[in-house]
Amino acid sequence: MIEHIVALLMFIGPDIKEHRIQESMSVCLKHKREASRQISNNVSFKCIKSKAEIELNIDGSKSIRALILE
């Protein structure tokens, strides 16, 4: 299923290593700030609004299968 989402992306170098769905852009920016304070300087974070292919987990939560960057 494809949905519009807000996601927090974690980059190590030029590669996306992790992505998490966030409730809103303000929540995403809050988590970005918190993570940036705790992680070393070769890791960076970015919040984006994008389309993504979503899958439902057994517990009913959603996870990103693939980002659709336009």
N, C-alpha and C. Protein backbone atom coordinates (compact mmCIF):
# COMPACT_ATOMS: atom_id res chain seq x y z
N MET A 1 0.85 -1.16 0.00
CA MET A 1 0.00 0.00 0.00
C MET A 1 0.91 1.24 0.00
N ILE A 2 0.54 2.25 -0.76
CA ILE A 2 1.34 3.48 -0.85
C ILE A 2 0.63 4.60 -0.10
N GLU A 3 1.37 5.30 0.76
CA GLU A 3 0.83 6.40 1.57
C GLU A 3 1.81 7.57 1.58
N HIS A 4 1.27 8.75 1.90
CA HIS A 4 2.11 9.91 2.18
C HIS A 4 2.49 9.84 3.65
N ILE A 5 3.79 9.98 3.93
CA ILE A 5 4.27 9.85 5.30
C ILE A 5 5.28 10.96 5.62
N VAL A 6 5.56 11.10 6.91
CA VAL A 6 6.69 11.88 7.40
C VAL A 6 7.65 10.86 7.97
N ALA A 7 8.91 10.92 7.54
CA ALA A 7 9.89 9.93 7.99
C ALA A 7 11.15 10.60 8.49
N LEU A 8 11.75 9.98 9.50
CA LEU A 8 13.06 10.38 10.00
C LEU A 8 14.07 9.43 9.39
N LEU A 9 15.02 9.98 8.63
CA LEU A 9 16.04 9.18 7.97
C LEU A 9 17.36 9.33 8.69
N MET A 10 18.09 8.23 8.82
CA MET A 10 19.43 8.26 9.40
C MET A 10 20.42 7.93 8.28
N PHE A 11 21.38 8.83 8.06
CA PHE A 11 22.40 8.66 7.05
C PHE A 11 23.74 8.37 7.71
N ILE A 12 24.47 7.39 7.18
CA ILE A 12 25.87 7.20 7.52
C ILE A 12 26.61 7.36 6.20
N GLY A 13 27.33 8.46 6.09
CA GLY A 13 27.90 8.82 4.80
C GLY A 13 26.77 9.17 3.85
N PRO A 14 26.83 8.71 2.61
CA PRO A 14 25.76 9.04 1.65
C PRO A 14 24.58 8.06 1.68
N ASP A 15 24.65 7.02 2.48
CA ASP A 15 23.65 5.96 2.46
C ASP A 15 22.62 6.10 3.58
N ILE A 16 21.35 5.82 3.24
CA ILE A 16 20.30 5.76 4.25
C ILE A 16 20.43 4.41 4.96
N LYS A 17 20.64 4.44 6.26
CA LYS A 17 20.80 3.21 7.03
C LYS A 17 19.54 2.82 7.78
N GLU A 18 18.70 3.81 8.12
CA GLU A 18 17.48 3.51 8.86
C GLU A 18 16.44 4.57 8.54
N HIS A 19 15.16 4.18 8.59
CA HIS A 19 14.07 5.12 8.39
C HIS A 19 12.90 4.72 9.27
N ARG A 20 12.28 5.73 9.86
CA ARG A 20 11.16 5.50 10.78
C ARG A 20 10.01 6.44 10.44
N ILE A 21 8.79 5.91 10.47
CA ILE A 21 7.61 6.74 10.26
C ILE A 21 7.37 7.57 11.52
N GLN A 22 7.04 8.84 11.33
CA GLN A 22 6.75 9.75 12.44
C GLN A 22 5.31 10.25 12.30
N GLU A 23 4.73 10.69 13.41
CA GLU A 23 3.34 11.16 13.42
C GLU A 23 3.17 12.46 12.64
N SER A 24 4.12 13.37 12.80
CA SER A 24 4.03 14.69 12.15
C SER A 24 5.44 15.24 11.99
N MET A 25 5.55 16.34 11.27
CA MET A 25 6.86 16.95 11.05
C MET A 25 7.43 17.48 12.37
N SER A 26 6.58 18.01 13.24
CA SER A 26 7.10 18.53 14.51
C SER A 26 7.65 17.41 15.39
N VAL A 27 7.00 16.27 15.41
CA VAL A 27 7.50 15.12 16.17
C VAL A 27 8.81 14.64 15.55
N CYS A 28 8.87 14.62 14.23
CA CYS A 28 10.08 14.19 13.54
C CYS A 28 11.25 15.10 13.89
N LEU A 29 11.04 16.40 13.85
CA LEU A 29 12.11 17.35 14.16
C LEU A 29 12.57 17.21 15.61
N LYS A 30 11.64 16.92 16.52
CA LYS A 30 11.99 16.70 17.92
C LYS A 30 12.90 15.48 18.06
N HIS A 31 12.52 14.39 17.40
CA HIS A 31 13.34 13.17 17.46
C HIS A 31 14.69 13.37 16.76
N LYS A 32 14.70 14.15 15.70
CA LYS A 32 15.96 14.45 15.01
C LYS A 32 16.91 15.19 15.95
N ARG A 33 16.39 16.18 16.66
CA ARG A 33 17.20 16.95 17.61
C ARG A 33 17.77 16.05 18.70
N GLU A 34 16.91 15.21 19.26
CA GLU A 34 17.35 14.30 20.32
C GLU A 34 18.41 13.32 19.83
N ALA A 35 18.22 12.76 18.65
CA ALA A 35 19.17 11.79 18.11
C ALA A 35 20.50 12.46 17.76
N SER A 36 20.44 13.67 17.22
CA SER A 36 21.67 14.38 16.84
C SER A 36 22.55 14.68 18.04
N ARG A 37 21.94 14.87 19.20
CA ARG A 37 22.70 15.16 20.41
C ARG A 37 23.40 13.91 20.96
N GLN A 38 22.88 12.73 20.64
CA GLN A 38 23.39 11.50 21.23
C GLN A 38 24.34 10.72 20.33
N ILE A 39 24.35 11.02 19.04
CA ILE A 39 25.11 10.22 18.07
C ILE A 39 26.37 10.98 17.64
N SER A 40 27.37 10.22 17.21
CA SER A 40 28.63 10.82 16.76
C SER A 40 28.43 11.67 15.51
N ASN A 41 29.46 12.42 15.15
CA ASN A 41 29.31 13.42 14.09
C ASN A 41 29.38 12.86 12.66
N ASN A 42 29.65 11.58 12.43
CA ASN A 42 29.62 11.05 11.07
C ASN A 42 28.25 10.51 10.67
N VAL A 43 27.28 10.63 11.58
CA VAL A 43 25.89 10.23 11.32
C VAL A 43 25.05 11.49 11.24
N SER A 44 24.16 11.54 10.23
CA SER A 44 23.27 12.70 10.12
C SER A 44 21.83 12.23 9.99
N PHE A 45 20.90 13.12 10.31
CA PHE A 45 19.48 12.82 10.30
C PHE A 45 18.75 13.86 9.46
N LYS A 46 17.63 13.43 8.86
CA LYS A 46 16.83 14.33 8.04
C LYS A 46 15.37 13.91 8.12
N CYS A 47 14.47 14.89 8.23
CA CYS A 47 13.04 14.63 8.19
C CYS A 47 12.53 14.94 6.79
N ILE A 48 11.71 14.06 6.25
CA ILE A 48 11.15 14.29 4.92
C ILE A 48 9.66 13.95 4.91
N LYS A 49 8.94 14.62 3.99
CA LYS A 49 7.58 14.23 3.65
C LYS A 49 7.68 13.57 2.28
N SER A 50 7.17 12.36 2.17
CA SER A 50 7.33 11.61 0.94
C SER A 50 6.25 10.55 0.83
N LYS A 51 6.16 9.95 -0.34
CA LYS A 51 5.34 8.76 -0.52
C LYS A 51 6.21 7.57 -0.16
N ALA A 52 5.58 6.52 0.35
CA ALA A 52 6.32 5.31 0.69
C ALA A 52 5.42 4.10 0.52
N GLU A 53 6.04 3.00 0.20
CA GLU A 53 5.34 1.73 0.19
C GLU A 53 5.37 1.22 1.63
N ILE A 54 4.19 1.00 2.19
CA ILE A 54 4.04 0.66 3.61
C ILE A 54 3.60 -0.79 3.75
N GLU A 55 4.09 -1.44 4.79
CA GLU A 55 3.58 -2.77 5.13
C GLU A 55 3.10 -2.75 6.57
N LEU A 56 2.06 -3.52 6.84
CA LEU A 56 1.52 -3.62 8.20
C LEU A 56 2.19 -4.78 8.91
N ASN A 57 2.64 -4.53 10.13
CA ASN A 57 3.26 -5.56 10.94
C ASN A 57 2.19 -6.37 11.66
N ILE A 58 2.56 -7.45 12.27
CA ILE A 58 1.63 -8.33 12.98
C ILE A 58 0.92 -7.58 14.11
N ASP A 59 1.65 -6.67 14.77
CA ASP A 59 1.06 -5.93 15.89
C ASP A 59 0.21 -4.73 15.45
N GLY A 60 0.04 -4.54 14.14
CA GLY A 60 -0.78 -3.45 13.63
C GLY A 60 -0.02 -2.18 13.33
N SER A 61 1.26 -2.13 13.68
CA SER A 61 2.06 -0.94 13.38
C SER A 61 2.47 -0.96 11.90
N LYS A 62 2.89 0.20 11.42
CA LYS A 62 3.29 0.33 10.02
C LYS A 62 4.80 0.47 9.93
N SER A 63 5.37 -0.08 8.87
CA SER A 63 6.79 0.12 8.62
C SER A 63 6.99 0.41 7.13
N ILE A 64 8.10 1.04 6.83
CA ILE A 64 8.41 1.45 5.47
C ILE A 64 9.09 0.30 4.74
N ARG A 65 8.50 -0.11 3.63
CA ARG A 65 9.13 -1.12 2.79
C ARG A 65 10.06 -0.45 1.78
N ALA A 66 9.60 0.68 1.18
CA ALA A 66 10.43 1.41 0.22
C ALA A 66 9.98 2.86 0.17
N LEU A 67 10.94 3.79 0.13
CA LEU A 67 10.64 5.20 -0.04
C LEU A 67 10.48 5.49 -1.53
N ILE A 68 9.53 6.36 -1.85
CA ILE A 68 9.32 6.78 -3.23
C ILE A 68 9.70 8.25 -3.29
N LEU A 69 10.93 8.54 -3.70
CA LEU A 69 11.44 9.90 -3.73
C LEU A 69 11.18 10.49 -5.11
N GLU A 70 10.49 11.62 -5.14
CA GLU A 70 10.15 12.26 -6.41
C GLU A 70 10.82 13.59 -6.53
